[in-house]
Amino acid sequence: MQVQVNTDDHIQGGESLAQWIQDEAGARLARFRENITRLEVFLTDLDGAKSGADDKRCRLEARVVSRQPVTVTADADKMASAFISAVEKLARALDTDLGRVKDRNGRDTIRTVQD
C-alpha cells in the first residue's frame, strides 16, 4: 500500500508528519493491505493562521483494487485527531464496501466487476 501525503501551506511537520501518517495508516489499515493500492491523505487547516474549533481537516482517499475509490473526511481541533478519526471512518467504509463483494459464506458474489 502506497501512502501519499498532501498538505496545505499552514500545516507544519514535514517529513516527520508524513512518516507518522504512513506508520499509523499501515498499522490501522493492515487488514486491507491486499485491497488498497494507494492511500492519499489530504491535510488542511481551514482557518489558516487563525485557530478555532474543528479547524483541521483530514480527507482520505483509498484506491481499492477493482472497486471505486473510497473517500472519507474528518474535522478536529488537532491534526492527529482528525487523521485518526478519518482512518477509523475509512476502515468502517471499507468493511462495508468490501463486505458486499463476499457473501456470508466467504464466496465471491456475482456483483464483482470483471476485468
PDB file of N, CA and C in Angstrom:
ATOM      1  N   MET A   1       0.851  -1.175   0.000  1.00  0.00           N
ATOM      2  CA  MET A   1       0.000   0.000   0.000  1.00  0.00           C
ATOM      3  C   MET A   1       0.891   1.230   0.000  1.00  0.00           C
ATOM      4  N   GLN A   2       0.721   2.030  -0.997  1.00  0.00           N
ATOM      5  CA  GLN A   2       1.474   3.277  -1.105  1.00  0.00           C
ATOM      6  C   GLN A   2       0.684   4.384  -0.407  1.00  0.00           C
ATOM      7  N   VAL A   3       1.340   5.198   0.418  1.00  0.00           N
ATOM      8  CA  VAL A   3       0.695   6.297   1.127  1.00  0.00           C
ATOM      9  C   VAL A   3       1.282   7.600   0.616  1.00  0.00           C
ATOM     10  N   GLN A   4       0.411   8.478   0.128  1.00  0.00           N
ATOM     11  CA  GLN A   4       0.835   9.787  -0.383  1.00  0.00           C
ATOM     12  C   GLN A   4       0.204  10.859   0.487  1.00  0.00           C
ATOM     13  N   VAL A   5       1.031  11.732   1.071  1.00  0.00           N
ATOM     14  CA  VAL A   5       0.562  12.771   1.986  1.00  0.00           C
ATOM     15  C   VAL A   5       0.647  14.125   1.298  1.00  0.00           C
ATOM     16  N   ASN A   6      -0.479  14.849   1.297  1.00  0.00           N
ATOM     17  CA  ASN A   6      -0.555  16.192   0.715  1.00  0.00           C
ATOM     18  C   ASN A   6      -0.997  17.157   1.809  1.00  0.00           C
ATOM     19  N   THR A   7      -0.291  18.287   1.948  1.00  0.00           N
ATOM     20  CA  THR A   7      -0.645  19.274   2.970  1.00  0.00           C
ATOM     21  C   THR A   7      -0.776  20.649   2.322  1.00  0.00           C
ATOM     22  N   ASP A   8      -1.485  21.544   3.021  1.00  0.00           N
ATOM     23  CA  ASP A   8      -1.531  22.924   2.562  1.00  0.00           C
ATOM     24  C   ASP A   8      -0.376  23.700   3.200  1.00  0.00           C
ATOM     25  N   ASP A   9      -0.294  24.992   2.928  1.00  0.00           N
ATOM     26  CA  ASP A   9       0.824  25.807   3.401  1.00  0.00           C
ATOM     27  C   ASP A   9       0.814  26.047   4.914  1.00  0.00           C
ATOM     28  N   HIS A  10      -0.319  25.791   5.576  1.00  0.00           N
ATOM     29  CA  HIS A  10      -0.444  26.094   7.006  1.00  0.00           C
ATOM     30  C   HIS A  10      -0.170  24.901   7.903  1.00  0.00           C
ATOM     31  N   ILE A  11       0.108  23.752   7.338  1.00  0.00           N
ATOM     32  CA  ILE A  11       0.370  22.541   8.126  1.00  0.00           C
ATOM     33  C   ILE A  11       1.875  22.391   8.318  1.00  0.00           C
ATOM     34  N   GLN A  12       2.288  22.285   9.591  1.00  0.00           N
ATOM     35  CA  GLN A  12       3.692  22.105   9.936  1.00  0.00           C
ATOM     36  C   GLN A  12       3.958  20.628  10.196  1.00  0.00           C
ATOM     37  N   GLY A  13       5.165  20.177   9.989  1.00  0.00           N
ATOM     38  CA  GLY A  13       5.502  18.801  10.319  1.00  0.00           C
ATOM     39  C   GLY A  13       6.447  18.172   9.319  1.00  0.00           C
ATOM     40  N   GLY A  14       6.235  18.408   8.045  1.00  0.00           N
ATOM     41  CA  GLY A  14       7.129  17.913   7.016  1.00  0.00           C
ATOM     42  C   GLY A  14       7.276  16.407   6.998  1.00  0.00           C
ATOM     43  N   GLU A  15       8.538  15.947   6.950  1.00  0.00           N
ATOM     44  CA  GLU A  15       8.843  14.519   6.837  1.00  0.00           C
ATOM     45  C   GLU A  15       8.417  13.723   8.068  1.00  0.00           C
ATOM     46  N   SER A  16       8.541  14.302   9.254  1.00  0.00           N
ATOM     47  CA  SER A  16       8.168  13.563  10.465  1.00  0.00           C
ATOM     48  C   SER A  16       6.661  13.311  10.499  1.00  0.00           C
ATOM     49  N   LEU A  17       5.861  14.286  10.069  1.00  0.00           N
ATOM     50  CA  LEU A  17       4.414  14.111   9.992  1.00  0.00           C
ATOM     51  C   LEU A  17       4.062  13.062   8.949  1.00  0.00           C
ATOM     52  N   ALA A  18       4.694  13.115   7.800  1.00  0.00           N
ATOM     53  CA  ALA A  18       4.430  12.147   6.740  1.00  0.00           C
ATOM     54  C   ALA A  18       4.802  10.735   7.182  1.00  0.00           C
ATOM     55  N   GLN A  19       5.911  10.576   7.891  1.00  0.00           N
ATOM     56  CA  GLN A  19       6.325   9.261   8.378  1.00  0.00           C
ATOM     57  C   GLN A  19       5.349   8.727   9.413  1.00  0.00           C
ATOM     58  N   TRP A  20       4.894   9.597  10.331  1.00  0.00           N
ATOM     59  CA  TRP A  20       3.925   9.182  11.338  1.00  0.00           C
ATOM     60  C   TRP A  20       2.633   8.726  10.672  1.00  0.00           C
ATOM     61  N   ILE A  21       2.187   9.474   9.668  1.00  0.00           N
ATOM     62  CA  ILE A  21       0.958   9.114   8.962  1.00  0.00           C
ATOM     63  C   ILE A  21       1.118   7.776   8.249  1.00  0.00           C
ATOM     64  N   GLN A  22       2.253   7.551   7.607  1.00  0.00           N
ATOM     65  CA  GLN A  22       2.486   6.274   6.927  1.00  0.00           C
ATOM     66  C   GLN A  22       2.484   5.114   7.920  1.00  0.00           C
ATOM     67  N   ASP A  23       3.123   5.296   9.068  1.00  0.00           N
ATOM     68  CA  ASP A  23       3.172   4.244  10.087  1.00  0.00           C
ATOM     69  C   ASP A  23       1.787   3.947  10.650  1.00  0.00           C
ATOM     70  N   GLU A  24       1.047   4.990  11.001  1.00  0.00           N
ATOM     71  CA  GLU A  24      -0.303   4.818  11.562  1.00  0.00           C
ATOM     72  C   GLU A  24      -1.252   4.199  10.541  1.00  0.00           C
ATOM     73  N   ALA A  25      -1.203   4.675   9.309  1.00  0.00           N
ATOM     74  CA  ALA A  25      -2.083   4.129   8.267  1.00  0.00           C
ATOM     75  C   ALA A  25      -1.769   2.662   8.024  1.00  0.00           C
ATOM     76  N   GLY A  26      -0.493   2.314   7.988  1.00  0.00           N
ATOM     77  CA  GLY A  26      -0.099   0.926   7.789  1.00  0.00           C
ATOM     78  C   GLY A  26      -0.584   0.027   8.907  1.00  0.00           C
ATOM     79  N   ALA A  27      -0.504   0.512  10.143  1.00  0.00           N
ATOM     80  CA  ALA A  27      -0.922  -0.286  11.290  1.00  0.00           C
ATOM     81  C   ALA A  27      -2.444  -0.402  11.375  1.00  0.00           C
ATOM     82  N   ARG A  28      -3.143   0.714  11.186  1.00  0.00           N
ATOM     83  CA  ARG A  28      -4.597   0.722  11.360  1.00  0.00           C
ATOM     84  C   ARG A  28      -5.352   0.107  10.185  1.00  0.00           C
ATOM     85  N   LEU A  29      -4.733   0.089   9.009  1.00  0.00           N
ATOM     86  CA  LEU A  29      -5.399  -0.471   7.819  1.00  0.00           C
ATOM     87  C   LEU A  29      -4.712  -1.750   7.345  1.00  0.00           C
ATOM     88  N   ALA A  30      -4.010  -2.432   8.228  1.00  0.00           N
ATOM     89  CA  ALA A  30      -3.234  -3.621   7.850  1.00  0.00           C
ATOM     90  C   ALA A  30      -4.107  -4.715   7.251  1.00  0.00           C
ATOM     91  N   ARG A  31      -5.321  -4.870   7.749  1.00  0.00           N
ATOM     92  CA  ARG A  31      -6.167  -5.954   7.236  1.00  0.00           C
ATOM     93  C   ARG A  31      -6.671  -5.692   5.818  1.00  0.00           C
ATOM     94  N   PHE A  32      -6.545  -4.449   5.333  1.00  0.00           N
ATOM     95  CA  PHE A  32      -6.959  -4.108   3.978  1.00  0.00           C
ATOM     96  C   PHE A  32      -5.762  -3.991   3.031  1.00  0.00           C
ATOM     97  N   ARG A  33      -4.586  -4.390   3.493  1.00  0.00           N
ATOM     98  CA  ARG A  33      -3.345  -4.177   2.743  1.00  0.00           C
ATOM     99  C   ARG A  33      -3.407  -4.757   1.330  1.00  0.00           C
ATOM    100  N   GLU A  34      -3.998  -5.930   1.142  1.00  0.00           N
ATOM    101  CA  GLU A  34      -4.037  -6.515  -0.199  1.00  0.00           C
ATOM    102  C   GLU A  34      -5.121  -5.882  -1.079  1.00  0.00           C
ATOM    103  N   ASN A  35      -6.031  -5.122  -0.495  1.00  0.00           N
ATOM    104  CA  ASN A  35      -7.103  -4.497  -1.273  1.00  0.00           C
ATOM    105  C   ASN A  35      -6.802  -3.059  -1.673  1.00  0.00           C
ATOM    106  N   ILE A  36      -6.022  -2.345  -0.863  1.00  0.00           N
ATOM    107  CA  ILE A  36      -5.730  -0.934  -1.129  1.00  0.00           C
ATOM    108  C   ILE A  36      -4.412  -0.830  -1.888  1.00  0.00           C
ATOM    109  N   THR A  37      -4.450  -0.193  -3.064  1.00  0.00           N
ATOM    110  CA  THR A  37      -3.212   0.022  -3.805  1.00  0.00           C
ATOM    111  C   THR A  37      -2.548   1.329  -3.382  1.00  0.00           C
ATOM    112  N   ARG A  38      -3.357   2.370  -3.147  1.00  0.00           N
ATOM    113  CA  ARG A  38      -2.797   3.670  -2.755  1.00  0.00           C
ATOM    114  C   ARG A  38      -3.759   4.368  -1.807  1.00  0.00           C
ATOM    115  N   LEU A  39      -3.192   5.035  -0.819  1.00  0.00           N
ATOM    116  CA  LEU A  39      -3.948   5.846   0.117  1.00  0.00           C
ATOM    117  C   LEU A  39      -3.447   7.277  -0.012  1.00  0.00           C
ATOM    118  N   GLU A  40      -4.341   8.184  -0.385  1.00  0.00           N
ATOM    119  CA  GLU A  40      -3.980   9.599  -0.477  1.00  0.00           C
ATOM    120  C   GLU A  40      -4.532  10.322   0.736  1.00  0.00           C
ATOM    121  N   VAL A  41      -3.673  11.092   1.400  1.00  0.00           N
ATOM    122  CA  VAL A  41      -4.028  11.823   2.610  1.00  0.00           C
ATOM    123  C   VAL A  41      -3.922  13.309   2.293  1.00  0.00           C
ATOM    124  N   PHE A  42      -5.009  14.051   2.535  1.00  0.00           N
ATOM    125  CA  PHE A  42      -5.032  15.491   2.307  1.00  0.00           C
ATOM    126  C   PHE A  42      -5.272  16.175   3.645  1.00  0.00           C
ATOM    127  N   LEU A  43      -4.284  16.947   4.114  1.00  0.00           N
ATOM    128  CA  LEU A  43      -4.364  17.645   5.390  1.00  0.00           C
ATOM    129  C   LEU A  43      -4.495  19.136   5.133  1.00  0.00           C
ATOM    130  N   THR A  44      -5.524  19.758   5.725  1.00  0.00           N
ATOM    131  CA  THR A  44      -5.728  21.190   5.536  1.00  0.00           C
ATOM    132  C   THR A  44      -6.084  21.851   6.855  1.00  0.00           C
ATOM    133  N   ASP A  45      -5.707  23.130   6.965  1.00  0.00           N
ATOM    134  CA  ASP A  45      -6.081  23.965   8.094  1.00  0.00           C
ATOM    135  C   ASP A  45      -7.121  24.943   7.555  1.00  0.00           C
ATOM    136  N   LEU A  46      -8.367  24.778   7.975  1.00  0.00           N
ATOM    137  CA  LEU A  46      -9.471  25.549   7.408  1.00  0.00           C
ATOM    138  C   LEU A  46      -9.391  27.035   7.710  1.00  0.00           C
ATOM    139  N   ASP A  47      -8.842  27.400   8.877  1.00  0.00           N
ATOM    140  CA  ASP A  47      -8.772  28.807   9.279  1.00  0.00           C
ATOM    141  C   ASP A  47      -7.441  29.456   8.948  1.00  0.00           C
ATOM    142  N   GLY A  48      -6.522  28.729   8.386  1.00  0.00           N
ATOM    143  CA  GLY A  48      -5.213  29.289   8.074  1.00  0.00           C
ATOM    144  C   GLY A  48      -4.441  29.588   9.339  1.00  0.00           C
ATOM    145  N   ALA A  49      -4.010  30.830   9.495  1.00  0.00           N
ATOM    146  CA  ALA A  49      -3.195  31.231  10.642  1.00  0.00           C
ATOM    147  C   ALA A  49      -4.017  31.375  11.922  1.00  0.00           C
ATOM    148  N   LYS A  50      -5.324  31.563  11.801  1.00  0.00           N
ATOM    149  CA  LYS A  50      -6.181  31.691  12.979  1.00  0.00           C
ATOM    150  C   LYS A  50      -6.433  30.307  13.570  1.00  0.00           C
ATOM    151  N   SER A  51      -6.870  30.277  14.829  1.00  0.00           N
ATOM    152  CA  SER A  51      -7.237  28.990  15.413  1.00  0.00           C
ATOM    153  C   SER A  51      -8.712  29.027  15.773  1.00  0.00           C
ATOM    154  N   GLY A  52      -9.321  27.877  15.712  1.00  0.00           N
ATOM    155  CA  GLY A  52     -10.742  27.769  16.028  1.00  0.00           C
ATOM    156  C   GLY A  52     -11.099  26.324  16.286  1.00  0.00           C
ATOM    157  N   ALA A  53     -12.343  26.116  16.627  1.00  0.00           N
ATOM    158  CA  ALA A  53     -12.809  24.755  16.903  1.00  0.00           C
ATOM    159  C   ALA A  53     -12.932  23.976  15.599  1.00  0.00           C
ATOM    160  N   ASP A  54     -12.435  22.756  15.618  1.00  0.00           N
ATOM    161  CA  ASP A  54     -12.515  21.851  14.466  1.00  0.00           C
ATOM    162  C   ASP A  54     -12.023  22.499  13.177  1.00  0.00           C
ATOM    163  N   ASP A  55     -10.852  23.124  13.244  1.00  0.00           N
ATOM    164  CA  ASP A  55     -10.333  23.816  12.065  1.00  0.00           C
ATOM    165  C   ASP A  55      -9.316  22.993  11.275  1.00  0.00           C
ATOM    166  N   LYS A  56      -9.013  21.769  11.726  1.00  0.00           N
ATOM    167  CA  LYS A  56      -8.104  20.889  10.987  1.00  0.00           C
ATOM    168  C   LYS A  56      -8.942  19.834  10.265  1.00  0.00           C
ATOM    169  N   ARG A  57      -8.644  19.604   9.002  1.00  0.00           N
ATOM    170  CA  ARG A  57      -9.410  18.635   8.210  1.00  0.00           C
ATOM    171  C   ARG A  57      -8.466  17.613   7.598  1.00  0.00           C
ATOM    172  N   CYS A  58      -8.893  16.364   7.666  1.00  0.00           N
ATOM    173  CA  CYS A  58      -8.170  15.268   7.031  1.00  0.00           C
ATOM    174  C   CYS A  58      -9.135  14.560   6.088  1.00  0.00           C
ATOM    175  N   ARG A  59      -8.732  14.467   4.828  1.00  0.00           N
ATOM    176  CA  ARG A  59      -9.526  13.726   3.845  1.00  0.00           C
ATOM    177  C   ARG A  59      -8.672  12.568   3.351  1.00  0.00           C
ATOM    178  N   LEU A  60      -9.232  11.365   3.401  1.00  0.00           N
ATOM    179  CA  LEU A  60      -8.536  10.167   2.946  1.00  0.00           C
ATOM    180  C   LEU A  60      -9.241   9.614   1.719  1.00  0.00           C
ATOM    181  N   GLU A  61      -8.453   9.231   0.735  1.00  0.00           N
ATOM    182  CA  GLU A  61      -8.988   8.599  -0.458  1.00  0.00           C
ATOM    183  C   GLU A  61      -8.225   7.300  -0.678  1.00  0.00           C
ATOM    184  N   ALA A  62      -8.935   6.190  -0.551  1.00  0.00           N
ATOM    185  CA  ALA A  62      -8.320   4.876  -0.714  1.00  0.00           C
ATOM    186  C   ALA A  62      -8.641   4.352  -2.106  1.00  0.00           C
ATOM    187  N   ARG A  63      -7.597   3.989  -2.848  1.00  0.00           N
ATOM    188  CA  ARG A  63      -7.765   3.360  -4.162  1.00  0.00           C
ATOM    189  C   ARG A  63      -7.803   1.858  -3.934  1.00  0.00           C
ATOM    190  N   VAL A  64      -8.952   1.261  -4.218  1.00  0.00           N
ATOM    191  CA  VAL A  64      -9.184  -0.151  -3.942  1.00  0.00           C
ATOM    192  C   VAL A  64      -9.140  -0.930  -5.251  1.00  0.00           C
ATOM    193  N   VAL A  65      -8.541  -2.114  -5.222  1.00  0.00           N
ATOM    194  CA  VAL A  65      -8.408  -2.964  -6.402  1.00  0.00           C
ATOM    195  C   VAL A  65      -9.795  -3.328  -6.932  1.00  0.00           C
ATOM    196  N   SER A  66     -10.034  -3.073  -8.204  1.00  0.00           N
ATOM    197  CA  SER A  66     -11.271  -3.433  -8.915  1.00  0.00           C
ATOM    198  C   SER A  66     -12.530  -2.816  -8.306  1.00  0.00           C
ATOM    199  N   ARG A  67     -12.399  -1.705  -7.588  1.00  0.00           N
ATOM    200  CA  ARG A  67     -13.543  -1.018  -6.989  1.00  0.00           C
ATOM    201  C   ARG A  67     -13.356   0.479  -7.186  1.00  0.00           C
ATOM    202  N   GLN A  68     -14.415   1.225  -6.948  1.00  0.00           N
ATOM    203  CA  GLN A  68     -14.335   2.678  -6.971  1.00  0.00           C
ATOM    204  C   GLN A  68     -13.560   3.165  -5.753  1.00  0.00           C
ATOM    205  N   PRO A  69     -12.882   4.318  -5.846  1.00  0.00           N
ATOM    206  CA  PRO A  69     -12.181   4.855  -4.670  1.00  0.00           C
ATOM    207  C   PRO A  69     -13.156   5.153  -3.530  1.00  0.00           C
ATOM    208  N   VAL A  70     -12.682   5.005  -2.302  1.00  0.00           N
ATOM    209  CA  VAL A  70     -13.483   5.286  -1.109  1.00  0.00           C
ATOM    210  C   VAL A  70     -12.881   6.520  -0.453  1.00  0.00           C
ATOM    211  N   THR A  71     -13.730   7.538  -0.195  1.00  0.00           N
ATOM    212  CA  THR A  71     -13.260   8.796   0.373  1.00  0.00           C
ATOM    213  C   THR A  71     -14.015   9.108   1.661  1.00  0.00           C
ATOM    214  N   VAL A  72     -13.270   9.558   2.684  1.00  0.00           N
ATOM    215  CA  VAL A  72     -13.864   9.997   3.947  1.00  0.00           C
ATOM    216  C   VAL A  72     -13.184  11.288   4.386  1.00  0.00           C
ATOM    217  N   THR A  73     -13.896  12.061   5.215  1.00  0.00           N
ATOM    218  CA  THR A  73     -13.375  13.328   5.728  1.00  0.00           C
ATOM    219  C   THR A  73     -13.673  13.423   7.214  1.00  0.00           C
ATOM    220  N   ALA A  74     -12.730  14.010   7.968  1.00  0.00           N
ATOM    221  CA  ALA A  74     -12.938  14.238   9.399  1.00  0.00           C
ATOM    222  C   ALA A  74     -12.329  15.577   9.785  1.00  0.00           C
ATOM    223  N   ASP A  75     -13.014  16.286  10.688  1.00  0.00           N
ATOM    224  CA  ASP A  75     -12.539  17.561  11.219  1.00  0.00           C
ATOM    225  C   ASP A  75     -12.285  17.411  12.716  1.00  0.00           C
ATOM    226  N   ALA A  76     -11.262  18.131  13.220  1.00  0.00           N
ATOM    227  CA  ALA A  76     -10.949  18.094  14.655  1.00  0.00           C
ATOM    228  C   ALA A  76     -10.113  19.322  15.010  1.00  0.00           C
ATOM    229  N   ASP A  77      -9.846  19.481  16.317  1.00  0.00           N
ATOM    230  CA  ASP A  77      -9.018  20.589  16.792  1.00  0.00           C
ATOM    231  C   ASP A  77      -7.546  20.364  16.476  1.00  0.00           C
ATOM    232  N   LYS A  78      -7.112  19.112  16.488  1.00  0.00           N
ATOM    233  CA  LYS A  78      -5.709  18.775  16.233  1.00  0.00           C
ATOM    234  C   LYS A  78      -5.623  17.869  15.012  1.00  0.00           C
ATOM    235  N   MET A  79      -4.521  17.982  14.293  1.00  0.00           N
ATOM    236  CA  MET A  79      -4.353  17.216  13.064  1.00  0.00           C
ATOM    237  C   MET A  79      -4.332  15.716  13.336  1.00  0.00           C
ATOM    238  N   ALA A  80      -3.681  15.300  14.424  1.00  0.00           N
ATOM    239  CA  ALA A  80      -3.621  13.870  14.754  1.00  0.00           C
ATOM    240  C   ALA A  80      -5.014  13.320  15.016  1.00  0.00           C
ATOM    241  N   SER A  81      -5.836  14.066  15.719  1.00  0.00           N
ATOM    242  CA  SER A  81      -7.204  13.622  15.999  1.00  0.00           C
ATOM    243  C   SER A  81      -8.024  13.519  14.723  1.00  0.00           C
ATOM    244  N   ALA A  82      -7.852  14.469  13.833  1.00  0.00           N
ATOM    245  CA  ALA A  82      -8.578  14.437  12.555  1.00  0.00           C
ATOM    246  C   ALA A  82      -8.145  13.232  11.733  1.00  0.00           C
ATOM    247  N   PHE A  83      -6.848  12.942  11.718  1.00  0.00           N
ATOM    248  CA  PHE A  83      -6.349  11.808  10.941  1.00  0.00           C
ATOM    249  C   PHE A  83      -6.859  10.480  11.502  1.00  0.00           C
ATOM    250  N   ILE A  84      -6.772  10.304  12.819  1.00  0.00           N
ATOM    251  CA  ILE A  84      -7.212   9.054  13.426  1.00  0.00           C
ATOM    252  C   ILE A  84      -8.712   8.851  13.231  1.00  0.00           C
ATOM    253  N   SER A  85      -9.477   9.917  13.362  1.00  0.00           N
ATOM    254  CA  SER A  85     -10.920   9.825  13.133  1.00  0.00           C
ATOM    255  C   SER A  85     -11.218   9.440  11.679  1.00  0.00           C
ATOM    256  N   ALA A  86     -10.480  10.024  10.750  1.00  0.00           N
ATOM    257  CA  ALA A  86     -10.682   9.713   9.331  1.00  0.00           C
ATOM    258  C   ALA A  86     -10.293   8.264   9.019  1.00  0.00           C
ATOM    259  N   VAL A  87      -9.216   7.771   9.625  1.00  0.00           N
ATOM    260  CA  VAL A  87      -8.803   6.380   9.401  1.00  0.00           C
ATOM    261  C   VAL A  87      -9.855   5.415   9.934  1.00  0.00           C
ATOM    262  N   GLU A  88     -10.435   5.733  11.095  1.00  0.00           N
ATOM    263  CA  GLU A  88     -11.489   4.875  11.642  1.00  0.00           C
ATOM    264  C   GLU A  88     -12.719   4.877  10.735  1.00  0.00           C
ATOM    265  N   LYS A  89     -13.079   6.035  10.201  1.00  0.00           N
ATOM    266  CA  LYS A  89     -14.194   6.113   9.256  1.00  0.00           C
ATOM    267  C   LYS A  89     -13.892   5.315   7.990  1.00  0.00           C
ATOM    268  N   LEU A  90     -12.654   5.422   7.527  1.00  0.00           N
ATOM    269  CA  LEU A  90     -12.259   4.693   6.320  1.00  0.00           C
ATOM    270  C   LEU A  90     -12.333   3.183   6.542  1.00  0.00           C
ATOM    271  N   ALA A  91     -11.888   2.720   7.697  1.00  0.00           N
ATOM    272  CA  ALA A  91     -11.950   1.280   7.987  1.00  0.00           C
ATOM    273  C   ALA A  91     -13.394   0.788   7.975  1.00  0.00           C
ATOM    274  N   ARG A  92     -14.309   1.563   8.562  1.00  0.00           N
ATOM    275  CA  ARG A  92     -15.721   1.174   8.543  1.00  0.00           C
ATOM    276  C   ARG A  92     -16.277   1.191   7.121  1.00  0.00           C
ATOM    277  N   ALA A  93     -15.901   2.206   6.338  1.00  0.00           N
ATOM    278  CA  ALA A  93     -16.383   2.289   4.955  1.00  0.00           C
ATOM    279  C   ALA A  93     -15.844   1.140   4.110  1.00  0.00           C
ATOM    280  N   LEU A  94     -14.583   0.773   4.316  1.00  0.00           N
ATOM    281  CA  LEU A  94     -14.009  -0.349   3.567  1.00  0.00           C
ATOM    282  C   LEU A  94     -14.635  -1.676   3.987  1.00  0.00           C
ATOM    283  N   ASP A  95     -14.922  -1.835   5.278  1.00  0.00           N
ATOM    284  CA  ASP A  95     -15.620  -3.037   5.732  1.00  0.00           C
ATOM    285  C   ASP A  95     -16.962  -3.173   5.018  1.00  0.00           C
ATOM    286  N   THR A  96     -17.677  -2.065   4.913  1.00  0.00           N
ATOM    287  CA  THR A  96     -18.978  -2.073   4.247  1.00  0.00           C
ATOM    288  C   THR A  96     -18.831  -2.355   2.762  1.00  0.00           C
ATOM    289  N   ASP A  97     -17.927  -1.640   2.104  1.00  0.00           N
ATOM    290  CA  ASP A  97     -17.762  -1.777   0.652  1.00  0.00           C
ATOM    291  C   ASP A  97     -17.226  -3.150   0.272  1.00  0.00           C
ATOM    292  N   LEU A  98     -16.192  -3.608   0.940  1.00  0.00           N
ATOM    293  CA  LEU A  98     -15.602  -4.899   0.600  1.00  0.00           C
ATOM    294  C   LEU A  98     -16.447  -6.060   1.111  1.00  0.00           C
ATOM    295  N   GLY A  99     -17.265  -5.818   2.115  1.00  0.00           N
ATOM    296  CA  GLY A  99     -18.155  -6.853   2.608  1.00  0.00           C
ATOM    297  C   GLY A  99     -19.210  -7.227   1.592  1.00  0.00           C
ATOM    298  N   ARG A 100     -19.537  -6.297   0.708  1.00  0.00           N
ATOM    299  CA  ARG A 100     -20.512  -6.569  -0.341  1.00  0.00           C
ATOM    300  C   ARG A 100     -19.949  -7.478  -1.420  1.00  0.00           C
ATOM    301  N   VAL A 101     -18.633  -7.565  -1.516  1.00  0.00           N
ATOM    302  CA  VAL A 101     -18.000  -8.392  -2.534  1.00  0.00           C
ATOM    303  C   VAL A 101     -18.096  -9.874  -2.166  1.00  0.00           C
ATOM    304  N   LYS A 102     -18.158 -10.177  -0.897  1.00  0.00           N
ATOM    305  CA  LYS A 102     -18.234 -11.566  -0.430  1.00  0.00           C
ATOM    306  C   LYS A 102     -19.627 -11.825   0.147  1.00  0.00           C
ATOM    307  N   ASP A 103     -20.138 -13.025  -0.035  1.00  0.00           N
ATOM    308  CA  ASP A 103     -21.394 -13.364   0.610  1.00  0.00           C
ATOM    309  C   ASP A 103     -21.102 -13.846   2.030  1.00  0.00           C
ATOM    310  N   ARG A 104     -22.110 -14.238   2.756  1.00  0.00           N
ATOM    311  CA  ARG A 104     -21.913 -14.588   4.170  1.00  0.00           C
ATOM    312  C   ARG A 104     -21.068 -15.844   4.373  1.00  0.00           C
ATOM    313  N   ASN A 105     -20.902 -16.658   3.331  1.00  0.00           N
ATOM    314  CA  ASN A 105     -20.074 -17.856   3.426  1.00  0.00           C
ATOM    315  C   ASN A 105     -18.652 -17.623   2.932  1.00  0.00           C
ATOM    316  N   GLY A 106     -18.317 -16.367   2.586  1.00  0.00           N
ATOM    317  CA  GLY A 106     -16.969 -16.052   2.146  1.00  0.00           C
ATOM    318  C   GLY A 106     -16.717 -16.262   0.670  1.00  0.00           C
ATOM    319  N   ARG A 107     -17.767 -16.578  -0.088  1.00  0.00           N
ATOM    320  CA  ARG A 107     -17.597 -16.789  -1.522  1.00  0.00           C
ATOM    321  C   ARG A 107     -17.766 -15.469  -2.256  1.00  0.00           C
ATOM    322  N   ASP A 108     -17.125 -15.354  -3.423  1.00  0.00           N
ATOM    323  CA  ASP A 108     -17.304 -14.169  -4.246  1.00  0.00           C
ATOM    324  C   ASP A 108     -18.727 -14.124  -4.771  1.00  0.00           C
ATOM    325  N   THR A 109     -19.263 -12.906  -4.873  1.00  0.00           N
ATOM    326  CA  THR A 109     -20.613 -12.754  -5.393  1.00  0.00           C
ATOM    327  C   THR A 109     -20.568 -12.422  -6.878  1.00  0.00           C
ATOM    328  N   ILE A 110     -21.711 -12.416  -7.511  1.00  0.00           N
ATOM    329  CA  ILE A 110     -21.772 -12.069  -8.925  1.00  0.00           C
ATOM    330  C   ILE A 110     -21.716 -10.564  -9.139  1.00  0.00           C
ATOM    331  N   ARG A 111     -21.692  -9.792  -8.069  1.00  0.00           N
ATOM    332  CA  ARG A 111     -21.687  -8.340  -8.161  1.00  0.00           C
ATOM    333  C   ARG A 111     -20.301  -7.728  -8.356  1.00  0.00           C
ATOM    334  N   THR A 112     -19.270  -8.538  -8.415  1.00  0.00           N
ATOM    335  CA  THR A 112     -17.923  -8.015  -8.581  1.00  0.00           C
ATOM    336  C   THR A 112     -17.704  -7.602 -10.026  1.00  0.00           C
ATOM    337  N   VAL A 113     -16.854  -6.621 -10.215  1.00  0.00           N
ATOM    338  CA  VAL A 113     -16.533  -6.125 -11.537  1.00  0.00           C
ATOM    339  C   VAL A 113     -15.493  -7.040 -12.155  1.00  0.00           C
ATOM    340  N   GLN A 114     -15.770  -7.548 -13.336  1.00  0.00           N
ATOM    341  CA  GLN A 114     -14.835  -8.414 -14.043  1.00  0.00           C
ATOM    342  C   GLN A 114     -13.982  -7.564 -14.974  1.00  0.00           C
ATOM    343  N   ASP A 115     -12.670  -7.803 -14.981  1.00  0.00           N
ATOM    344  CA  ASP A 115     -11.770  -7.035 -15.852  1.00  0.00           C
ATOM    345  C   ASP A 115     -11.672  -7.658 -17.219  1.00  0.00           C
TER     346      ASP A 115
END
